Structures are given as C-alpha cells and as structure tokens.
Amino acid sequence: MNFTCSSMEKLVADFADHQPHVLAVDDNLIDRKLVEKLLKNSSCKVTTAENGIRALEYLGLGNDDTNSNVSKVNLIITDYCMPGMTGYELLKKIKESSMMKEVPVVIMSSENIPTRINECLEEGAQMFMLKPLKQSDVKKLMRSDLICRS
C-alpha cells in the first residue's frame, strides 16, 4: 500500500484523535513524569498538571466559571495528597460539574488508608491505586475500559 505524504499525515492525525487523553495531576515532578511515561507507553495522550487548581483551569472549571474552554479528556488520574487542593477535593469539583461528571477519575496515594479509599470511591472515584504507579497498573486501567477511546 502506497501512502502519499498528505494521506500519511491524515492517518497520523486520525490516530492522534483516537488516542485516549489522560490528565495526570500530581504535585511531585518525579511521580508526574512517571505516570506520564507509563501512560504514553500505553499509547495515551497525556496532559499533566502540578496541582488541583491547574487541573481545574485546564478542564475549564476554574474560578471564572465560563466553561467556554472545556478540554476533552477521557480519564483524570490524580494524587490524593497535594498542597492547596487534595485529590479528593478535585474529585468532588469534577463530579459536581455537569460537563465533567462522567469523566472517570482515578485517585493515587502512597498511603494505604482504608477510610480514605472508601471516601474517594463513595464520592465517585472509579479506582484507587497505590503509588508508585507501575506499568501493570496502567494495563489494569486499560483492561477495565476506564480509558475509553473517543
């Protein structure tokens, strides 16, 4: 099969459009880069944010409430313990939004605290994972259909 330059560009663009888009939120640069690398290894498009406020801004849910710049993501994965806004608080804001409430949210934490895990799941988190994230965790996400291709 022969591809012209323009048809090849279209194939690449089509593939990019069908890549799951994940927003990864973590205040720790090393953890953020690790999550980004693991997700990209699984053919995901990844956007990162260093805290909950930046994540809300990216999602178009910032304080201005215009919602005109809503970013399309298929999954949000966030650390629980972050300064300023915890992952739990971010989860609550996302689930309160009529435009974002259907987007799956996965919470990560290095602390295995059952009450915290239950609290997040009751508030609408689809999954709670222990840090550091591993490739097997990302494969589990892919198998669970949490990362749906648009």
Protein backbone atom coordinates (compact mmCIF):
# COMPACT_ATOMS: atom_id res chain seq x y z
CA MET A 1 0.00 0.00 0.00
CA ASN A 2 1.44 3.35 -1.02
CA PHE A 3 0.75 6.44 1.05
CA THR A 4 1.15 9.96 -0.15
CA CYS A 5 2.51 12.49 2.28
CA SER A 6 -0.93 14.01 2.86
CA SER A 7 -2.64 10.63 3.38
CA MET A 8 0.06 9.62 5.87
CA GLU A 9 -0.42 12.91 7.74
CA LYS A 10 -4.16 12.22 7.85
CA LEU A 11 -3.56 8.72 9.25
CA VAL A 12 -1.31 10.15 11.96
CA ALA A 13 -3.88 12.85 12.77
CA ASP A 14 -6.69 10.26 12.87
CA PHE A 15 -4.65 8.10 15.23
CA ALA A 16 -3.94 11.10 17.46
CA ASP A 17 -7.67 11.86 17.56
CA HIS A 18 -8.41 8.31 18.75
CA GLN A 19 -5.72 8.20 21.43
CA PRO A 20 -7.21 8.27 24.92
CA HIS A 21 -6.42 11.63 26.54
CA VAL A 22 -5.46 11.44 30.21
CA LEU A 23 -5.00 14.35 32.59
CA ALA A 24 -2.38 13.38 35.20
CA VAL A 25 -2.30 15.54 38.34
CA ASP A 26 0.50 15.28 40.90
CA ASP A 27 2.49 17.87 42.83
CA ASN A 28 5.60 15.69 42.76
CA LEU A 29 7.50 16.15 39.49
CA ILE A 30 9.06 12.66 39.57
CA ASP A 31 5.71 10.96 40.18
CA ARG A 32 4.08 13.12 37.48
CA LYS A 33 6.78 12.20 34.95
CA LEU A 34 6.49 8.50 35.87
CA VAL A 35 2.71 8.49 35.34
CA GLU A 36 3.16 10.40 32.07
CA LYS A 37 5.76 7.91 30.80
CA LEU A 38 3.69 4.85 31.76
CA LEU A 39 0.58 6.24 30.06
CA LYS A 40 2.46 7.27 26.92
CA ASN A 41 3.90 3.74 26.75
CA SER A 42 0.27 2.60 26.52
CA SER A 43 -0.41 4.96 23.58
CA CYS A 44 -2.23 7.60 25.61
CA LYS A 45 -2.06 11.32 25.03
CA VAL A 46 -1.09 12.83 28.39
CA THR A 47 -1.50 16.31 29.79
CA THR A 48 -0.01 16.99 33.22
CA ALA A 49 -0.89 19.45 35.96
CA GLU A 50 1.09 20.11 39.13
CA ASN A 51 -1.94 20.72 41.36
CA GLY A 52 -5.73 20.62 41.54
CA ILE A 53 -6.17 24.31 40.72
CA ARG A 54 -4.18 23.95 37.49
CA ALA A 55 -6.17 20.82 36.64
CA LEU A 56 -9.46 22.67 37.09
CA GLU A 57 -8.17 25.53 34.94
CA TYR A 58 -7.16 23.07 32.22
CA LEU A 59 -10.58 21.41 32.38
CA GLY A 60 -12.31 24.78 32.07
CA LEU A 61 -13.63 24.56 35.62
CA GLY A 62 -11.57 27.39 37.09
CA ASN A 63 -12.94 30.21 39.22
CA ASP A 64 -14.17 32.20 36.21
CA ASP A 65 -16.95 29.61 35.64
CA THR A 66 -17.11 30.40 31.92
CA ASN A 67 -16.74 26.76 30.88
CA SER A 68 -16.02 28.01 27.38
CA ASN A 69 -12.65 26.30 27.22
CA VAL A 70 -13.58 22.80 28.37
CA SER A 71 -10.79 20.38 27.49
CA LYS A 72 -11.75 16.89 26.34
CA VAL A 73 -10.15 14.20 28.47
CA ASN A 74 -11.06 10.53 28.74
CA LEU A 75 -9.61 10.00 32.22
CA ILE A 76 -8.24 12.02 35.12
CA ILE A 77 -5.66 10.41 37.38
CA THR A 78 -4.73 12.40 40.45
CA ASP A 79 -2.61 12.17 43.55
CA TYR A 80 -4.54 12.33 46.82
CA CYS A 81 -2.07 14.36 48.90
CA MET A 82 -1.35 17.73 47.30
CA PRO A 83 -0.98 21.20 48.79
CA GLY A 84 -3.78 23.69 48.21
CA MET A 85 -6.34 21.15 46.99
CA THR A 86 -6.33 17.44 47.69
CA GLY A 87 -7.17 14.86 45.06
CA TYR A 88 -10.39 14.23 46.98
CA GLU A 89 -11.37 17.91 46.71
CA LEU A 90 -10.52 17.84 42.98
CA LEU A 91 -12.67 14.72 42.58
CA LYS A 92 -15.62 16.45 44.27
CA LYS A 93 -15.33 19.50 42.00
CA ILE A 94 -15.18 17.32 38.89
CA LYS A 95 -18.20 15.26 39.97
CA GLU A 96 -20.16 18.47 40.75
CA SER A 97 -19.61 19.70 37.18
CA SER A 98 -22.38 18.83 34.74
CA MET A 99 -19.83 18.88 31.89
CA MET A 100 -17.15 16.72 33.52
CA LYS A 101 -19.00 14.42 35.94
CA GLU A 102 -18.97 11.47 33.51
CA VAL A 103 -15.17 11.53 33.14
CA PRO A 104 -13.64 8.68 35.16
CA VAL A 105 -11.34 9.76 37.99
CA VAL A 106 -8.63 7.54 39.48
CA ILE A 107 -7.02 8.53 42.78
CA MET A 108 -3.43 7.55 43.64
CA SER A 109 -1.76 7.67 47.02
CA SER A 110 1.35 6.30 48.66
CA GLU A 111 -0.71 5.80 51.83
CA ASN A 112 -3.00 2.78 52.08
CA ILE A 113 -5.69 4.20 54.37
CA PRO A 114 -8.98 2.26 54.03
CA THR A 115 -11.20 5.15 55.21
CA ARG A 116 -9.59 7.47 52.64
CA ILE A 117 -10.01 4.89 49.89
CA ASN A 118 -13.68 4.35 50.76
CA GLU A 119 -14.32 8.09 50.96
CA CYS A 120 -12.92 8.58 47.43
CA LEU A 121 -14.85 5.63 45.98
CA GLU A 122 -18.08 6.84 47.62
CA GLU A 123 -17.54 10.31 46.12
CA GLY A 124 -17.30 8.82 42.63
CA ALA A 125 -13.69 7.76 42.02
CA GLN A 126 -13.60 4.74 39.74
CA MET A 127 -10.43 3.33 41.22
CA PHE A 128 -7.86 3.92 43.96
CA MET A 129 -4.25 2.92 43.23
CA LEU A 130 -1.17 2.82 45.39
CA LYS A 131 1.92 4.77 44.37
CA PRO A 132 4.31 4.45 42.79
CA LEU A 133 2.27 3.55 39.74
CA LYS A 134 3.56 0.58 37.72
CA GLN A 135 3.03 -0.50 34.11
CA SER A 136 0.80 -3.30 35.41
CA ASP A 137 -1.46 -0.64 36.99
CA VAL A 138 -1.80 1.14 33.65
CA LYS A 139 -2.58 -2.18 31.95
CA LYS A 140 -5.26 -2.74 34.58
CA LEU A 141 -6.71 0.68 33.70
CA MET A 142 -6.74 -0.21 30.01
CA ARG A 143 -8.40 -3.58 30.64
CA SER A 144 -11.05 -2.00 32.89
CA ASP A 145 -12.19 0.22 29.99
CA LEU A 146 -11.70 3.32 32.15
CA ILE A 147 -9.59 4.73 29.37
CA CYS A 148 -12.10 4.77 26.57
CA ARG A 149 -11.07 5.81 23.12
CA SER A 150 -13.11 8.66 21.75
